[in-house]
Amino acid sequence: MNRLIDPIQKLETSFSDSKELLEISSDEAEIISEISQDLVAGEEVLRALELRRMLSDEMDSQPAIVSINAGSGGTEAQDWAQIIQRMLMRYAQRRGYQVELVDEQAGEAAGIKSCSFVCRGDHPYGYLKSERGVHRLVRISPFDAGKRRHTSFAAVDVVPEIDDQIEIEVRQEDLRVDTYRASGAGGQHVNRTDSAIRLTHLPSGIVVACQTNRSQHQNRDTAMRMLRSKLYEREMQKRQEAVDAKNAEKREISWGSQIRSYVLHPYRMVKDHRTNRETGQVDAVLDGDLEDFTEAFLLHQSETKAT
């Protein structure tokens, strides 16, 4: 609560000080300059408070489980999936989140086929849920000797990590458990035992994996938390869709419904198709500067709920 009250009290104090300064100062230019600086600072505080207001959903404060899967297209798509991985991890680090990579499947020649990581900190799910969907890249392929333009896709899934207080039943007979040898970059073995775990939930088809711990037991525990979180999110989506049949924000992830396009050729632009927010600062976005897109999404989501 103090994180909401303290900024408001500071704003009131700042505005009161500016008013007094205006009344007692005789240097008009100096007053305008100082009050202008205070107003800019006040706008930043109000912006942060507005964002906090929009992060009011029950699960927004929970850790976020982020999964990325390359689309069809082999090396080109796998390279794009790794670019998306770096972008989202950099964004998470900018926000001060603790990032734990729990699974990564290397691409055949470059990039990754898939990965999963968990972000913990200040409202990770609330901020990262805006990235859920299909991301589309248009560029001159670095893997094409003919220097032709290619379009690639990567799917991002973001679900809140649920705590033990939320009961999600997972029956053992509904699980297929596969063990395999964990491996790192370049095919180097993390260890010589089959400690990595892959869980397949047969009724839903959901697959999760973890290979970052040396202990098979620890990897299984992490994978089970991920599975329970994905099952919880799926159930919440079903309930929401039942209440709101026109739910446009939770479209099925498919290659024809991208949420955002990143164009590197013949021009340079990133555009979010849900909010129409766009920028020419492509390199900054791919380096994790996603704040404008996140804020636009949260505002769009807030307005949608209000109608």
C-alpha atoms as a PDB file:
ATOM      1  CA  MET A   1       0.000   0.000   0.000  1.00  0.00           C
ATOM      2  CA  ASN A   2       2.866   2.390   0.819  1.00  0.00           C
ATOM      3  CA  ARG A   3       4.120   2.032  -2.761  1.00  0.00           C
ATOM      4  CA  LEU A   4       0.871   3.676  -3.868  1.00  0.00           C
ATOM      5  CA  ILE A   5       0.454   6.242  -1.087  1.00  0.00           C
ATOM      6  CA  ASP A   6       4.058   7.533  -0.903  1.00  0.00           C
ATOM      7  CA  PRO A   7       4.271   8.676  -4.580  1.00  0.00           C
ATOM      8  CA  ILE A   8       0.905  10.482  -4.264  1.00  0.00           C
ATOM      9  CA  GLN A   9       2.054  12.273  -1.120  1.00  0.00           C
ATOM     10  CA  LYS A  10       5.306  13.271  -2.842  1.00  0.00           C
ATOM     11  CA  LEU A  11       3.327  14.657  -5.776  1.00  0.00           C
ATOM     12  CA  GLU A  12       1.152  16.729  -3.447  1.00  0.00           C
ATOM     13  CA  THR A  13       4.254  18.087  -1.705  1.00  0.00           C
ATOM     14  CA  SER A  14       5.939  18.904  -5.020  1.00  0.00           C
ATOM     15  CA  PHE A  15       2.894  20.770  -6.353  1.00  0.00           C
ATOM     16  CA  SER A  16       2.541  22.660  -3.069  1.00  0.00           C
ATOM     17  CA  ASP A  17       6.211  23.689  -3.190  1.00  0.00           C
ATOM     18  CA  SER A  18       5.828  24.865  -6.793  1.00  0.00           C
ATOM     19  CA  LYS A  19       2.828  26.990  -5.841  1.00  0.00           C
ATOM     20  CA  GLU A  20       4.744  28.651  -2.995  1.00  0.00           C
ATOM     21  CA  LEU A  21       7.716  29.263  -5.270  1.00  0.00           C
ATOM     22  CA  LEU A  22       5.453  30.942  -7.781  1.00  0.00           C
ATOM     23  CA  GLU A  23       4.090  33.249  -5.079  1.00  0.00           C
ATOM     24  CA  ILE A  24       7.388  34.376  -3.545  1.00  0.00           C
ATOM     25  CA  SER A  25       9.878  34.447  -6.445  1.00  0.00           C
ATOM     26  CA  SER A  26      10.550  37.548  -8.510  1.00  0.00           C
ATOM     27  CA  ASP A  27      12.533  35.806 -11.300  1.00  0.00           C
ATOM     28  CA  GLU A  28       9.825  34.623 -13.703  1.00  0.00           C
ATOM     29  CA  ALA A  29      12.214  32.775 -16.038  1.00  0.00           C
ATOM     30  CA  GLU A  30      13.754  30.866 -13.152  1.00  0.00           C
ATOM     31  CA  ILE A  31      10.309  29.948 -11.807  1.00  0.00           C
ATOM     32  CA  ILE A  32       9.109  28.613 -15.145  1.00  0.00           C
ATOM     33  CA  SER A  33      12.255  26.534 -15.596  1.00  0.00           C
ATOM     34  CA  GLU A  34      12.087  24.971 -12.139  1.00  0.00           C
ATOM     35  CA  ILE A  35       8.342  24.332 -12.212  1.00  0.00           C
ATOM     36  CA  SER A  36       8.673  22.770 -15.673  1.00  0.00           C
ATOM     37  CA  GLN A  37      11.218  20.306 -14.321  1.00  0.00           C
ATOM     38  CA  ASP A  38       8.886  19.454 -11.431  1.00  0.00           C
ATOM     39  CA  LEU A  39       5.998  18.888 -13.836  1.00  0.00           C
ATOM     40  CA  VAL A  40       8.065  16.509 -15.968  1.00  0.00           C
ATOM     41  CA  ALA A  41       9.029  14.541 -12.871  1.00  0.00           C
ATOM     42  CA  GLY A  42       5.400  14.555 -11.736  1.00  0.00           C
ATOM     43  CA  GLU A  43       4.241  13.184 -15.083  1.00  0.00           C
ATOM     44  CA  GLU A  44       6.635  10.265 -14.729  1.00  0.00           C
ATOM     45  CA  VAL A  45       5.240   9.493 -11.286  1.00  0.00           C
ATOM     46  CA  LEU A  46       1.657   9.672 -12.579  1.00  0.00           C
ATOM     47  CA  ARG A  47       2.595   7.414 -15.486  1.00  0.00           C
ATOM     48  CA  ALA A  48       4.011   4.815 -13.101  1.00  0.00           C
ATOM     49  CA  LEU A  49       0.894   5.025 -10.901  1.00  0.00           C
ATOM     50  CA  GLU A  50      -1.371   4.565 -13.919  1.00  0.00           C
ATOM     51  CA  LEU A  51       0.590   1.466 -14.922  1.00  0.00           C
ATOM     52  CA  ARG A  52       0.262   0.120 -11.386  1.00  0.00           C
ATOM     53  CA  ARG A  53      -3.493   0.670 -11.543  1.00  0.00           C
ATOM     54  CA  MET A  54      -3.687  -1.347 -14.760  1.00  0.00           C
ATOM     55  CA  LEU A  55      -1.784  -4.231 -13.157  1.00  0.00           C
ATOM     56  CA  SER A  56      -4.725  -5.158 -10.962  1.00  0.00           C
ATOM     57  CA  ASP A  57      -5.564  -8.646 -12.221  1.00  0.00           C
ATOM     58  CA  GLU A  58      -5.325 -11.402  -9.627  1.00  0.00           C
ATOM     59  CA  MET A  59      -2.277 -13.082 -11.184  1.00  0.00           C
ATOM     60  CA  ASP A  60      -0.346  -9.991 -12.359  1.00  0.00           C
ATOM     61  CA  SER A  61       1.998 -10.072  -9.370  1.00  0.00           C
ATOM     62  CA  GLN A  62       2.951 -13.721  -9.909  1.00  0.00           C
ATOM     63  CA  PRO A  63       6.228 -14.928 -11.463  1.00  0.00           C
ATOM     64  CA  ALA A  64       5.990 -15.417 -15.226  1.00  0.00           C
ATOM     65  CA  ILE A  65       6.834 -18.602 -17.097  1.00  0.00           C
ATOM     66  CA  VAL A  66       7.879 -17.642 -20.621  1.00  0.00           C
ATOM     67  CA  SER A  67       8.074 -20.254 -23.389  1.00  0.00           C
ATOM     68  CA  ILE A  68       9.305 -19.605 -26.939  1.00  0.00           C
ATOM     69  CA  ASN A  69       8.906 -21.939 -29.900  1.00  0.00           C
ATOM     70  CA  ALA A  70      10.324 -21.469 -33.380  1.00  0.00           C
ATOM     71  CA  GLY A  71       7.848 -21.636 -36.248  1.00  0.00           C
ATOM     72  CA  SER A  72       8.294 -23.658 -39.396  1.00  0.00           C
ATOM     73  CA  GLY A  73      11.231 -22.671 -41.537  1.00  0.00           C
ATOM     74  CA  GLY A  74      14.246 -24.410 -40.025  1.00  0.00           C
ATOM     75  CA  THR A  75      17.337 -22.349 -39.310  1.00  0.00           C
ATOM     76  CA  GLU A  76      15.740 -19.024 -40.189  1.00  0.00           C
ATOM     77  CA  ALA A  77      12.890 -19.478 -37.694  1.00  0.00           C
ATOM     78  CA  GLN A  78      15.189 -20.944 -35.023  1.00  0.00           C
ATOM     79  CA  ASP A  79      17.497 -17.946 -35.270  1.00  0.00           C
ATOM     80  CA  TRP A  80      14.475 -15.657 -34.868  1.00  0.00           C
ATOM     81  CA  ALA A  81      13.344 -17.614 -31.800  1.00  0.00           C
ATOM     82  CA  GLN A  82      16.737 -16.994 -30.192  1.00  0.00           C
ATOM     83  CA  ILE A  83      16.523 -13.268 -31.021  1.00  0.00           C
ATOM     84  CA  ILE A  84      13.126 -13.162 -29.301  1.00  0.00           C
ATOM     85  CA  GLN A  85      14.614 -15.030 -26.323  1.00  0.00           C
ATOM     86  CA  ARG A  86      17.368 -12.438 -25.978  1.00  0.00           C
ATOM     87  CA  MET A  87      14.908  -9.550 -26.388  1.00  0.00           C
ATOM     88  CA  LEU A  88      12.586 -10.784 -23.652  1.00  0.00           C
ATOM     89  CA  MET A  89      15.413 -11.689 -21.294  1.00  0.00           C
ATOM     90  CA  ARG A  90      16.947  -8.238 -21.769  1.00  0.00           C
ATOM     91  CA  TYR A  91      13.552  -6.653 -21.083  1.00  0.00           C
ATOM     92  CA  ALA A  92      13.209  -8.740 -17.916  1.00  0.00           C
ATOM     93  CA  GLN A  93      16.687  -7.712 -16.777  1.00  0.00           C
ATOM     94  CA  ARG A  94      15.872  -4.034 -17.444  1.00  0.00           C
ATOM     95  CA  ARG A  95      12.957  -4.427 -15.048  1.00  0.00           C
ATOM     96  CA  GLY A  96      15.239  -5.972 -12.444  1.00  0.00           C
ATOM     97  CA  TYR A  97      13.747  -9.437 -12.623  1.00  0.00           C
ATOM     98  CA  GLN A  98      15.527 -12.600 -11.585  1.00  0.00           C
ATOM     99  CA  VAL A  99      15.613 -14.758 -14.727  1.00  0.00           C
ATOM    100  CA  GLU A 100      16.020 -18.542 -14.547  1.00  0.00           C
ATOM    101  CA  LEU A 101      16.460 -20.490 -17.787  1.00  0.00           C
ATOM    102  CA  VAL A 102      14.878 -23.896 -17.155  1.00  0.00           C
ATOM    103  CA  ASP A 103      14.976 -25.466 -20.618  1.00  0.00           C
ATOM    104  CA  GLU A 104      16.532 -24.803 -24.004  1.00  0.00           C
ATOM    105  CA  GLN A 105      16.619 -26.921 -27.153  1.00  0.00           C
ATOM    106  CA  ALA A 106      19.340 -25.815 -29.555  1.00  0.00           C
ATOM    107  CA  GLY A 107      18.641 -25.368 -33.252  1.00  0.00           C
ATOM    108  CA  GLU A 108      20.165 -27.673 -35.830  1.00  0.00           C
ATOM    109  CA  ALA A 109      22.518 -25.067 -37.325  1.00  0.00           C
ATOM    110  CA  ALA A 110      21.802 -21.871 -35.365  1.00  0.00           C
ATOM    111  CA  GLY A 111      19.343 -20.428 -32.897  1.00  0.00           C
ATOM    112  CA  ILE A 112      16.965 -22.467 -30.743  1.00  0.00           C
ATOM    113  CA  LYS A 113      13.999 -24.717 -31.383  1.00  0.00           C
ATOM    114  CA  SER A 114      12.440 -23.805 -28.036  1.00  0.00           C
ATOM    115  CA  CYS A 115      13.163 -22.528 -24.545  1.00  0.00           C
ATOM    116  CA  SER A 116      11.459 -21.781 -21.246  1.00  0.00           C
ATOM    117  CA  PHE A 117      12.501 -19.375 -18.512  1.00  0.00           C
ATOM    118  CA  VAL A 118      10.968 -18.023 -15.315  1.00  0.00           C
ATOM    119  CA  CYS A 119      10.979 -14.357 -14.281  1.00  0.00           C
ATOM    120  CA  ARG A 120      10.547 -13.279 -10.664  1.00  0.00           C
ATOM    121  CA  GLY A 121      10.280  -9.761  -9.260  1.00  0.00           C
ATOM    122  CA  ASP A 122       7.804  -6.877  -9.383  1.00  0.00           C
ATOM    123  CA  HIS A 123       4.667  -8.007 -11.300  1.00  0.00           C
ATOM    124  CA  PRO A 124       6.468 -10.142 -13.910  1.00  0.00           C
ATOM    125  CA  TYR A 125       3.335 -11.761 -15.326  1.00  0.00           C
ATOM    126  CA  GLY A 126       1.522  -8.432 -15.436  1.00  0.00           C
ATOM    127  CA  TYR A 127       4.201  -6.924 -17.652  1.00  0.00           C
ATOM    128  CA  LEU A 128       5.258  -9.931 -19.725  1.00  0.00           C
ATOM    129  CA  LYS A 129       1.754 -11.142 -20.624  1.00  0.00           C
ATOM    130  CA  SER A 130       1.736  -8.490 -23.352  1.00  0.00           C
ATOM    131  CA  GLU A 131       4.279 -10.625 -25.270  1.00  0.00           C
ATOM    132  CA  ARG A 132       2.027 -13.685 -25.555  1.00  0.00           C
ATOM    133  CA  GLY A 133       1.319 -14.508 -29.193  1.00  0.00           C
ATOM    134  CA  VAL A 134       3.079 -14.864 -32.524  1.00  0.00           C
ATOM    135  CA  HIS A 135       5.987 -12.565 -33.436  1.00  0.00           C
ATOM    136  CA  ARG A 136       6.749 -12.059 -37.145  1.00  0.00           C
ATOM    137  CA  LEU A 137      10.118 -11.057 -38.629  1.00  0.00           C
ATOM    138  CA  VAL A 138      10.763  -9.798 -42.165  1.00  0.00           C
ATOM    139  CA  ARG A 139      14.429  -9.461 -43.176  1.00  0.00           C
ATOM    140  CA  ILE A 140      17.129 -10.344 -45.676  1.00  0.00           C
ATOM    141  CA  SER A 141      18.154 -13.762 -44.444  1.00  0.00           C
ATOM    142  CA  PRO A 142      21.767 -14.077 -43.223  1.00  0.00           C
ATOM    143  CA  PHE A 143      21.479 -17.796 -44.076  1.00  0.00           C
ATOM    144  CA  ASP A 144      20.434 -17.300 -47.716  1.00  0.00           C
ATOM    145  CA  ALA A 145      23.331 -17.068 -50.175  1.00  0.00           C
ATOM    146  CA  GLY A 146      20.966 -15.366 -52.610  1.00  0.00           C
ATOM    147  CA  LYS A 147      20.261 -12.571 -50.095  1.00  0.00           C
ATOM    148  CA  ARG A 148      16.513 -12.999 -50.468  1.00  0.00           C
ATOM    149  CA  ARG A 149      13.904 -11.617 -48.120  1.00  0.00           C
ATOM    150  CA  HIS A 150      12.421 -14.112 -45.654  1.00  0.00           C
ATOM    151  CA  THR A 151       9.494 -14.042 -43.227  1.00  0.00           C
ATOM    152  CA  SER A 152       9.899 -15.964 -39.969  1.00  0.00           C
ATOM    153  CA  PHE A 153       7.645 -16.635 -36.997  1.00  0.00           C
ATOM    154  CA  ALA A 154       8.139 -17.471 -33.332  1.00  0.00           C
ATOM    155  CA  ALA A 155       5.385 -18.177 -30.800  1.00  0.00           C
ATOM    156  CA  VAL A 156       5.641 -16.821 -27.255  1.00  0.00           C
ATOM    157  CA  ASP A 157       3.547 -18.205 -24.420  1.00  0.00           C
ATOM    158  CA  VAL A 158       3.442 -16.501 -21.013  1.00  0.00           C
ATOM    159  CA  VAL A 159       1.646 -17.986 -18.009  1.00  0.00           C
ATOM    160  CA  PRO A 160       1.703 -17.069 -14.305  1.00  0.00           C
ATOM    161  CA  GLU A 161       3.525 -19.444 -11.995  1.00  0.00           C
ATOM    162  CA  ILE A 162       0.918 -20.525  -9.455  1.00  0.00           C
ATOM    163  CA  ASP A 163       1.687 -21.137  -5.807  1.00  0.00           C
ATOM    164  CA  ASP A 164       0.853 -24.195  -3.730  1.00  0.00           C
ATOM    165  CA  GLN A 165      -2.323 -22.592  -2.383  1.00  0.00           C
ATOM    166  CA  ILE A 166      -4.021 -23.075  -5.762  1.00  0.00           C
ATOM    167  CA  GLU A 167      -4.987 -26.704  -6.217  1.00  0.00           C
ATOM    168  CA  ILE A 168      -4.534 -28.120  -9.705  1.00  0.00           C
ATOM    169  CA  GLU A 169      -5.018 -31.878  -9.887  1.00  0.00           C
ATOM    170  CA  VAL A 170      -2.564 -33.731 -12.118  1.00  0.00           C
ATOM    171  CA  ARG A 171      -3.152 -37.491 -12.154  1.00  0.00           C
ATOM    172  CA  GLN A 172      -0.087 -39.666 -12.601  1.00  0.00           C
ATOM    173  CA  GLU A 173      -1.887 -41.816 -15.177  1.00  0.00           C
ATOM    174  CA  ASP A 174      -2.330 -38.667 -17.309  1.00  0.00           C
ATOM    175  CA  LEU A 175       1.428 -38.073 -17.445  1.00  0.00           C
ATOM    176  CA  ARG A 176       4.122 -39.408 -19.717  1.00  0.00           C
ATOM    177  CA  VAL A 177       7.538 -38.875 -18.151  1.00  0.00           C
ATOM    178  CA  ASP A 178      10.654 -38.925 -20.330  1.00  0.00           C
ATOM    179  CA  THR A 179      14.197 -38.593 -19.045  1.00  0.00           C
ATOM    180  CA  TYR A 180      17.138 -37.564 -21.173  1.00  0.00           C
ATOM    181  CA  ARG A 181      20.654 -36.265 -20.841  1.00  0.00           C
ATOM    182  CA  ALA A 182      20.868 -32.528 -20.283  1.00  0.00           C
ATOM    183  CA  SER A 183      23.049 -30.656 -22.740  1.00  0.00           C
ATOM    184  CA  GLY A 184      24.329 -27.119 -23.075  1.00  0.00           C
ATOM    185  CA  ALA A 185      25.458 -24.907 -25.913  1.00  0.00           C
ATOM    186  CA  GLY A 186      27.367 -26.670 -28.641  1.00  0.00           C
ATOM    187  CA  GLY A 187      26.145 -30.054 -27.455  1.00  0.00           C
ATOM    188  CA  GLN A 188      28.365 -30.054 -24.371  1.00  0.00           C
ATOM    189  CA  HIS A 189      26.924 -32.316 -21.684  1.00  0.00           C
ATOM    190  CA  VAL A 190      26.025 -30.647 -18.404  1.00  0.00           C
ATOM    191  CA  ASN A 191      26.397 -34.044 -16.741  1.00  0.00           C
ATOM    192  CA  ARG A 192      26.607 -37.714 -17.666  1.00  0.00           C
ATOM    193  CA  THR A 193      23.291 -38.853 -16.216  1.00  0.00           C
ATOM    194  CA  ASP A 194      19.764 -38.698 -17.606  1.00  0.00           C
ATOM    195  CA  SER A 195      18.720 -35.908 -15.235  1.00  0.00           C
ATOM    196  CA  ALA A 196      16.613 -33.800 -17.633  1.00  0.00           C
ATOM    197  CA  ILE A 197      12.844 -34.296 -17.423  1.00  0.00           C
ATOM    198  CA  ARG A 198      10.113 -33.900 -20.019  1.00  0.00           C
ATOM    199  CA  LEU A 199       6.478 -34.161 -18.911  1.00  0.00           C
ATOM    200  CA  THR A 200       3.624 -34.650 -21.355  1.00  0.00           C
ATOM    201  CA  HIS A 201       0.101 -34.130 -20.051  1.00  0.00           C
ATOM    202  CA  LEU A 202      -1.816 -36.556 -22.261  1.00  0.00           C
ATOM    203  CA  PRO A 203      -5.358 -35.105 -21.957  1.00  0.00           C
ATOM    204  CA  SER A 204      -4.289 -31.568 -22.909  1.00  0.00           C
ATOM    205  CA  GLY A 205      -1.170 -32.264 -24.966  1.00  0.00           C
ATOM    206  CA  ILE A 206       0.841 -29.758 -22.911  1.00  0.00           C
ATOM    207  CA  VAL A 207       4.572 -30.525 -22.841  1.00  0.00           C
ATOM    208  CA  VAL A 208       7.054 -29.008 -20.378  1.00  0.00           C
ATOM    209  CA  ALA A 209      10.728 -29.746 -19.770  1.00  0.00           C
ATOM    210  CA  CYS A 210      13.481 -28.825 -17.360  1.00  0.00           C
ATOM    211  CA  GLN A 211      17.186 -29.609 -17.555  1.00  0.00           C
ATOM    212  CA  THR A 212      18.955 -26.908 -15.545  1.00  0.00           C
ATOM    213  CA  ASN A 213      19.407 -28.823 -12.276  1.00  0.00           C
ATOM    214  CA  ARG A 214      21.787 -31.750 -11.798  1.00  0.00           C
ATOM    215  CA  SER A 215      19.161 -33.558  -9.777  1.00  0.00           C
ATOM    216  CA  GLN A 216      16.412 -35.378 -11.670  1.00  0.00           C
ATOM    217  CA  HIS A 217      14.140 -34.837  -8.678  1.00  0.00           C
ATOM    218  CA  GLN A 218      14.667 -31.047  -8.775  1.00  0.00           C
ATOM    219  CA  ASN A 219      14.060 -30.960 -12.521  1.00  0.00           C
ATOM    220  CA  ARG A 220      10.839 -32.915 -12.073  1.00  0.00           C
ATOM    221  CA  ASP A 221       9.631 -30.519  -9.365  1.00  0.00           C
ATOM    222  CA  THR A 222      10.307 -27.522 -11.608  1.00  0.00           C
ATOM    223  CA  ALA A 223       8.605 -29.187 -14.577  1.00  0.00           C
ATOM    224  CA  MET A 224       5.549 -29.996 -12.435  1.00  0.00           C
ATOM    225  CA  ARG A 225       5.250 -26.362 -11.338  1.00  0.00           C
ATOM    226  CA  MET A 226       5.365 -25.299 -14.975  1.00  0.00           C
ATOM    227  CA  LEU A 227       2.757 -27.886 -15.948  1.00  0.00           C
ATOM    228  CA  ARG A 228       0.376 -26.890 -13.143  1.00  0.00           C
ATOM    229  CA  SER A 229       0.761 -23.235 -14.130  1.00  0.00           C
ATOM    230  CA  LYS A 230      -0.027 -23.947 -17.779  1.00  0.00           C
ATOM    231  CA  LEU A 231      -3.059 -26.036 -16.821  1.00  0.00           C
ATOM    232  CA  TYR A 232      -4.271 -23.243 -14.546  1.00  0.00           C
ATOM    233  CA  GLU A 233      -3.880 -20.662 -17.297  1.00  0.00           C
ATOM    234  CA  ARG A 234      -5.725 -22.888 -19.750  1.00  0.00           C
ATOM    235  CA  GLU A 235      -8.629 -23.238 -17.327  1.00  0.00           C
ATOM    236  CA  MET A 236      -8.736 -19.461 -16.768  1.00  0.00           C
ATOM    237  CA  GLN A 237      -8.830 -18.905 -20.524  1.00  0.00           C
ATOM    238  CA  LYS A 238     -11.725 -21.324 -20.902  1.00  0.00           C
ATOM    239  CA  ARG A 239     -13.681 -19.507 -18.204  1.00  0.00           C
ATOM    240  CA  GLN A 240     -12.970 -16.105 -19.744  1.00  0.00           C
ATOM    241  CA  GLU A 241     -13.988 -17.279 -23.196  1.00  0.00           C
ATOM    242  CA  ALA A 242     -17.232 -18.631 -21.789  1.00  0.00           C
ATOM    243  CA  VAL A 243     -18.007 -15.214 -20.265  1.00  0.00           C
ATOM    244  CA  ASP A 244     -16.841 -13.158 -23.246  1.00  0.00           C
ATOM    245  CA  ALA A 245     -17.221 -14.924 -26.589  1.00  0.00           C
ATOM    246  CA  LYS A 246     -15.747 -11.964 -28.442  1.00  0.00           C
ATOM    247  CA  ASN A 247     -12.493 -12.138 -26.483  1.00  0.00           C
ATOM    248  CA  ALA A 248     -10.079 -10.797 -29.084  1.00  0.00           C
ATOM    249  CA  GLU A 249      -6.996 -10.574 -26.875  1.00  0.00           C
ATOM    250  CA  LYS A 250      -6.751 -14.308 -26.244  1.00  0.00           C
ATOM    251  CA  ARG A 251      -6.781 -15.504 -29.824  1.00  0.00           C
ATOM    252  CA  GLU A 252      -5.410 -18.944 -30.506  1.00  0.00           C
ATOM    253  CA  ILE A 253      -1.689 -18.766 -31.197  1.00  0.00           C
ATOM    254  CA  SER A 254      -1.283 -19.557 -34.868  1.00  0.00           C
ATOM    255  CA  TRP A 255       0.997 -18.488 -37.667  1.00  0.00           C
ATOM    256  CA  GLY A 256      -1.741 -16.316 -39.189  1.00  0.00           C
ATOM    257  CA  SER A 257      -2.453 -14.187 -36.113  1.00  0.00           C
ATOM    258  CA  GLN A 258       0.768 -12.388 -35.258  1.00  0.00           C
ATOM    259  CA  ILE A 259       0.577  -9.801 -32.500  1.00  0.00           C
ATOM    260  CA  ARG A 260       3.644  -7.876 -33.632  1.00  0.00           C
ATOM    261  CA  SER A 261       5.721  -7.494 -36.775  1.00  0.00           C
ATOM    262  CA  TYR A 262       9.428  -6.627 -36.922  1.00  0.00           C
ATOM    263  CA  VAL A 263      10.429  -5.408 -40.380  1.00  0.00           C
ATOM    264  CA  LEU A 264      14.141  -4.991 -41.187  1.00  0.00           C
ATOM    265  CA  HIS A 265      13.761  -4.811 -44.983  1.00  0.00           C
ATOM    266  CA  PRO A 266      12.764  -2.950 -47.177  1.00  0.00           C
ATOM    267  CA  TYR A 267      12.194  -0.471 -44.328  1.00  0.00           C
ATOM    268  CA  ARG A 268      12.742  -0.630 -40.571  1.00  0.00           C
ATOM    269  CA  MET A 269       9.749  -0.683 -38.244  1.00  0.00           C
ATOM    270  CA  VAL A 270       8.202  -2.596 -35.351  1.00  0.00           C
ATOM    271  CA  LYS A 271       4.404  -2.522 -35.189  1.00  0.00           C
ATOM    272  CA  ASP A 272       2.029  -4.033 -32.630  1.00  0.00           C
ATOM    273  CA  HIS A 273      -1.134  -5.107 -34.430  1.00  0.00           C
ATOM    274  CA  ARG A 274      -3.311  -5.028 -31.293  1.00  0.00           C
ATOM    275  CA  THR A 275      -2.624  -1.416 -30.337  1.00  0.00           C
ATOM    276  CA  ASN A 276      -1.188   0.003 -33.605  1.00  0.00           C
ATOM    277  CA  ARG A 277       1.806   1.278 -31.614  1.00  0.00           C
ATOM    278  CA  GLU A 278       4.854   1.410 -33.875  1.00  0.00           C
ATOM    279  CA  THR A 279       8.449   2.639 -33.866  1.00  0.00           C
ATOM    280  CA  GLY A 280      11.409   2.845 -36.207  1.00  0.00           C
ATOM    281  CA  GLN A 281      13.836   2.111 -33.344  1.00  0.00           C
ATOM    282  CA  VAL A 282      14.104  -1.568 -34.258  1.00  0.00           C
ATOM    283  CA  ASP A 283      17.530  -2.172 -32.714  1.00  0.00           C
ATOM    284  CA  ALA A 284      16.437  -0.712 -29.369  1.00  0.00           C
ATOM    285  CA  VAL A 285      13.316  -2.903 -29.320  1.00  0.00           C
ATOM    286  CA  LEU A 286      15.293  -6.051 -30.110  1.00  0.00           C
ATOM    287  CA  ASP A 287      17.639  -5.069 -27.280  1.00  0.00           C
ATOM    288  CA  GLY A 288      14.735  -5.221 -24.829  1.00  0.00           C
ATOM    289  CA  ASP A 289      13.271  -1.708 -24.958  1.00  0.00           C
ATOM    290  CA  LEU A 290       9.633  -2.820 -24.825  1.00  0.00           C
ATOM    291  CA  GLU A 291       8.204  -0.308 -22.352  1.00  0.00           C
ATOM    292  CA  ASP A 292       6.139   1.646 -24.908  1.00  0.00           C
ATOM    293  CA  PHE A 293       4.603  -1.540 -26.305  1.00  0.00           C
ATOM    294  CA  THR A 294       3.886  -2.873 -22.804  1.00  0.00           C
ATOM    295  CA  GLU A 295       2.208   0.344 -21.678  1.00  0.00           C
ATOM    296  CA  ALA A 296       0.150   0.574 -24.865  1.00  0.00           C
ATOM    297  CA  PHE A 297      -1.028  -3.015 -24.408  1.00  0.00           C
ATOM    298  CA  LEU A 298      -1.984  -2.507 -20.759  1.00  0.00           C
ATOM    299  CA  LEU A 299      -3.876   0.674 -21.622  1.00  0.00           C
ATOM    300  CA  HIS A 300      -5.633  -1.094 -24.509  1.00  0.00           C
ATOM    301  CA  GLN A 301      -6.510  -4.005 -22.234  1.00  0.00           C
ATOM    302  CA  SER A 302      -7.833  -1.642 -19.552  1.00  0.00           C
ATOM    303  CA  GLU A 303     -10.006   0.219 -22.076  1.00  0.00           C
ATOM    304  CA  THR A 304     -11.306  -3.066 -23.504  1.00  0.00           C
ATOM    305  CA  LYS A 305     -12.379  -4.254 -20.053  1.00  0.00           C
ATOM    306  CA  ALA A 306     -14.136  -0.940 -19.404  1.00  0.00           C
ATOM    307  CA  THR A 307     -16.345  -1.241 -22.503  1.00  0.00           C
END
